[in-house]
């Protein structure tokens, strides 16, 4: 415990405390009074100064909050598995994947030159619900851009695993004509040939947590 105030009374001024936590001296005084009224600290006067000691209840609260913060800092979402059926697209992916404004960023940000087109997977109902919560997973943002005639929205790329030796990303587009249950996947290879899949093939995709 800082300053040893768990074991003994230590001198603390409201001015010093306020400076340490970035509040005014008056606010620090109010906080100390609140802590004392809640049984988290004890205060006593000694000479012209004030001394405080953290109670057992206060120490337990500090440990509880510390545990919560440590867990939050170290948390990594688990790998999520999605299942669905391969379906044909409408050629939209091939068009967008060929745009220099996207290709340049794919190459620099995820080190991938995408094969023209996307692999489309119609997710099962449960997987479609699961994908709504992927915001907590690590992703790479491909910025939107303008070619002088029209603007194109951003693309978020999520690293996924289909086969161990295939570098793939699920993409979520700011603008798309696809149904929300359609998952679009890009890779630097022709996935249908590499993974030996066709329309109607059932596949399992794992969304990988970030580092």
Protein backbone atom coordinates (compact mmCIF):
# COMPACT_ATOMS: atom_id res chain seq x y z
CA UNK A 1 0.00 0.00 0.00
CA UNK A 2 1.42 3.40 -0.97
CA UNK A 3 3.12 5.23 1.92
CA UNK A 4 2.37 2.30 4.23
CA UNK A 5 -0.99 3.76 5.25
CA UNK A 6 -2.51 0.31 5.51
CA UNK A 7 -0.42 -0.39 8.61
CA UNK A 8 -0.11 3.00 10.26
CA UNK A 9 -1.28 6.57 10.24
CA UNK A 10 0.66 8.71 7.77
CA UNK A 11 0.64 12.48 7.32
CA UNK A 12 -1.39 13.72 4.35
CA UNK A 13 -2.34 17.25 3.44
CA UNK A 14 -5.31 18.06 1.24
CA UNK A 15 -3.04 20.24 -0.88
CA UNK A 16 -0.59 17.40 -1.58
CA UNK A 17 -3.39 14.90 -2.15
CA UNK A 18 -5.20 17.25 -4.52
CA UNK A 19 -2.05 17.78 -6.57
CA UNK A 20 -1.41 14.03 -6.71
CA UNK A 21 -4.85 13.16 -8.10
CA UNK A 22 -5.40 16.33 -10.12
CA UNK A 23 -8.18 17.98 -8.12
CA UNK A 24 -8.48 21.11 -6.02
CA UNK A 25 -7.57 21.20 -2.36
CA UNK A 26 -11.24 21.66 -1.52
CA UNK A 27 -12.26 18.65 -3.61
CA UNK A 28 -9.56 16.53 -1.95
CA UNK A 29 -10.90 17.51 1.46
CA UNK A 30 -14.42 16.47 0.41
CA UNK A 31 -13.16 13.14 -0.91
CA UNK A 32 -11.35 12.38 2.33
CA UNK A 33 -14.50 13.15 4.31
CA UNK A 34 -16.51 10.80 2.08
CA UNK A 35 -13.94 8.02 2.44
CA UNK A 36 -14.03 8.41 6.20
CA UNK A 37 -17.81 8.40 6.38
CA UNK A 38 -17.87 5.18 4.35
CA UNK A 39 -15.39 3.52 6.72
CA UNK A 40 -12.64 3.26 4.13
CA UNK A 41 -10.11 5.43 6.00
CA UNK A 42 -9.56 6.74 9.52
CA UNK A 43 -8.32 10.24 10.22
CA UNK A 44 -6.74 11.77 13.28
CA UNK A 45 -5.25 15.14 14.09
CA UNK A 46 -1.66 15.32 15.20
CA UNK A 47 -0.25 18.73 15.94
CA UNK A 48 -1.22 21.02 13.09
CA UNK A 49 -1.56 18.25 10.55
CA UNK A 50 -3.85 15.40 9.68
CA UNK A 51 -2.91 11.76 9.50
CA UNK A 52 -4.85 8.99 7.78
CA UNK A 53 -4.86 5.22 7.80
CA UNK A 54 -6.60 2.90 5.34
CA UNK A 55 -8.98 0.53 7.11
CA UNK A 56 -9.33 -3.16 6.37
CA UNK A 57 -12.53 -2.34 4.50
CA UNK A 58 -10.71 0.33 2.49
CA UNK A 59 -7.83 -2.00 1.66
CA UNK A 60 -10.28 -4.70 0.51
CA UNK A 61 -11.96 -2.16 -1.76
CA UNK A 62 -8.62 -1.11 -3.24
CA UNK A 63 -7.79 -4.75 -3.97
CA UNK A 64 -11.22 -5.34 -5.52
CA UNK A 65 -10.90 -2.37 -7.87
CA UNK A 66 -7.30 -3.31 -8.71
CA UNK A 67 -8.40 -6.82 -9.64
CA UNK A 68 -11.14 -5.48 -11.90
CA UNK A 69 -8.72 -3.13 -13.66
CA UNK A 70 -6.07 -5.81 -14.11
CA UNK A 71 -8.63 -8.19 -15.59
CA UNK A 72 -9.89 -5.51 -17.95
CA UNK A 73 -6.36 -4.63 -19.10
CA UNK A 74 -5.40 -8.25 -19.69
CA UNK A 75 -8.65 -9.41 -21.26
CA UNK A 76 -8.50 -10.89 -24.69
CA UNK A 77 -11.73 -12.01 -26.31
CA UNK A 78 -11.73 -15.71 -27.15
CA UNK A 79 -11.60 -17.01 -30.67
CA UNK A 80 -15.13 -17.01 -32.08
CA UNK A 81 -16.29 -19.65 -34.52
CA UNK A 82 -18.82 -18.87 -37.24
CA UNK A 83 -20.53 -21.31 -39.55
CA UNK A 84 -22.33 -20.88 -42.80
CA UNK A 85 -22.79 -21.83 -46.43
CA UNK A 86 -20.83 -20.55 -49.40
CA UNK A 87 -22.96 -18.55 -51.81
CA UNK A 88 -22.36 -16.62 -55.02
CA UNK A 89 -22.05 -12.86 -54.97
CA UNK A 90 -23.10 -10.30 -57.54
CA UNK A 91 -19.61 -9.24 -58.59
CA UNK A 92 -19.55 -6.29 -56.19
CA UNK A 93 -16.49 -7.63 -54.38
CA UNK A 94 -14.42 -7.99 -57.54
CA UNK A 95 -15.10 -4.37 -58.42
CA UNK A 96 -14.18 -2.94 -55.05
CA UNK A 97 -11.13 -5.14 -54.55
CA UNK A 98 -9.72 -3.79 -57.84
CA UNK A 99 -9.84 -0.14 -56.77
CA UNK A 100 -6.36 1.36 -56.26
CA UNK A 101 -7.57 3.37 -53.26
CA UNK A 102 -8.27 0.11 -51.44
CA UNK A 103 -5.48 -2.04 -52.87
CA UNK A 104 -2.76 0.39 -51.77
CA UNK A 105 -4.04 0.35 -48.20
CA UNK A 106 -4.48 -3.43 -48.12
CA UNK A 107 -0.86 -3.82 -49.18
CA UNK A 108 0.49 -1.35 -46.61
CA UNK A 109 -1.79 -2.06 -43.65
CA UNK A 110 -2.35 -5.83 -43.76
CA UNK A 111 0.36 -6.79 -46.26
CA UNK A 112 -2.11 -8.45 -48.56
CA UNK A 113 -2.86 -7.92 -52.23
CA UNK A 114 -6.42 -9.23 -52.45
CA UNK A 115 -7.48 -11.66 -55.13
CA UNK A 116 -10.19 -9.89 -57.17
CA UNK A 117 -13.49 -10.65 -55.52
CA UNK A 118 -14.67 -11.90 -52.16
CA UNK A 119 -15.79 -15.27 -50.85
CA UNK A 120 -19.36 -14.87 -49.62
CA UNK A 121 -20.73 -16.98 -46.79
CA UNK A 122 -24.35 -16.93 -45.69
CA UNK A 123 -24.10 -17.31 -41.92
CA UNK A 124 -26.34 -19.53 -39.85
CA UNK A 125 -28.81 -17.67 -37.63
CA UNK A 126 -26.69 -18.06 -34.49
CA UNK A 127 -23.51 -16.98 -36.24
CA UNK A 128 -25.30 -13.99 -37.75
CA UNK A 129 -26.22 -12.88 -34.23
CA UNK A 130 -22.70 -13.51 -32.97
CA UNK A 131 -21.12 -11.37 -35.66
CA UNK A 132 -22.99 -8.34 -34.35
CA UNK A 133 -20.61 -8.30 -31.37
CA UNK A 134 -17.31 -8.42 -33.24
CA UNK A 135 -16.52 -4.80 -32.39
CA UNK A 136 -14.38 -5.99 -29.48
CA UNK A 137 -12.06 -7.89 -31.79
CA UNK A 138 -8.89 -6.44 -33.22
CA UNK A 139 -9.28 -5.12 -36.73
CA UNK A 140 -7.50 -2.93 -39.26
CA UNK A 141 -9.28 0.09 -40.67
CA UNK A 142 -8.99 0.75 -44.39
CA UNK A 143 -9.95 4.39 -44.82
CA UNK A 144 -12.58 5.60 -47.23
CA UNK A 145 -11.42 7.73 -50.15
CA UNK A 146 -12.56 9.68 -53.18
CA UNK A 147 -11.47 9.17 -56.78
CA UNK A 148 -12.71 12.60 -57.81
CA UNK A 149 -16.01 11.27 -59.11
CA UNK A 150 -17.43 9.42 -56.11
CA UNK A 151 -16.52 8.54 -52.57
CA UNK A 152 -15.97 5.06 -51.16
CA UNK A 153 -16.58 4.05 -47.55
CA UNK A 154 -14.23 2.51 -45.03
CA UNK A 155 -13.51 -1.19 -44.74
CA UNK A 156 -12.69 -3.01 -41.49
CA UNK A 157 -10.53 -6.11 -41.80
CA UNK A 158 -10.69 -8.88 -39.19
CA UNK A 159 -8.07 -11.64 -39.28
CA UNK A 160 -9.72 -15.04 -39.61
CA UNK A 161 -8.77 -18.66 -40.06
CA UNK A 162 -10.23 -21.01 -42.66
CA UNK A 163 -7.23 -23.19 -43.37
CA UNK A 164 -3.92 -22.90 -41.46
CA UNK A 165 -1.93 -21.87 -44.51
CA UNK A 166 -4.33 -19.30 -45.98
CA UNK A 167 -4.05 -15.63 -45.10
CA UNK A 168 -7.63 -14.35 -44.88
CA UNK A 169 -9.62 -11.41 -43.56
CA UNK A 170 -13.30 -10.95 -43.00
CA UNK A 171 -14.29 -7.50 -44.16
CA UNK A 172 -17.11 -5.29 -42.93
CA UNK A 173 -18.00 -2.44 -45.25
CA UNK A 174 -19.38 0.97 -44.43
CA UNK A 175 -21.48 0.67 -47.58
CA UNK A 176 -22.70 -2.60 -49.01
CA UNK A 177 -25.70 -4.07 -50.81
CA UNK A 178 -25.30 -7.40 -49.07
CA UNK A 179 -27.69 -8.78 -46.47
CA UNK A 180 -26.16 -8.39 -42.95
CA UNK A 181 -25.96 -12.18 -42.60
CA UNK A 182 -23.56 -12.38 -45.55
CA UNK A 183 -19.92 -12.55 -44.46
CA UNK A 184 -17.38 -11.38 -47.04
CA UNK A 185 -13.86 -12.76 -46.99
CA UNK A 186 -10.77 -11.59 -48.84
CA UNK A 187 -7.50 -13.38 -49.39
CA UNK A 188 -4.47 -13.21 -51.66
CA UNK A 189 -5.53 -16.49 -53.29
CA UNK A 190 -8.66 -17.78 -55.02
CA UNK A 191 -10.32 -19.30 -51.97
CA UNK A 192 -12.76 -21.53 -53.83
CA UNK A 193 -9.89 -23.32 -55.56
CA UNK A 194 -7.49 -23.31 -52.62
CA UNK A 195 -10.03 -24.62 -50.10
CA UNK A 196 -11.87 -26.77 -52.69
CA UNK A 197 -15.27 -25.24 -51.97
CA UNK A 198 -18.26 -24.40 -54.15
CA UNK A 199 -21.71 -22.91 -53.68
CA UNK A 200 -23.47 -24.85 -50.94
CA UNK A 201 -20.26 -25.92 -49.20
CA UNK A 202 -20.43 -25.70 -45.43
CA UNK A 203 -17.45 -23.94 -43.88
CA UNK A 204 -16.31 -22.94 -40.41
CA UNK A 205 -14.50 -19.66 -39.89
CA UNK A 206 -12.64 -18.60 -36.75
CA UNK A 207 -12.30 -14.90 -35.98
CA UNK A 208 -8.94 -14.43 -34.27
CA UNK A 209 -8.48 -12.17 -31.24
CA UNK A 210 -5.93 -9.38 -31.47
CA UNK A 211 -2.52 -9.42 -29.82
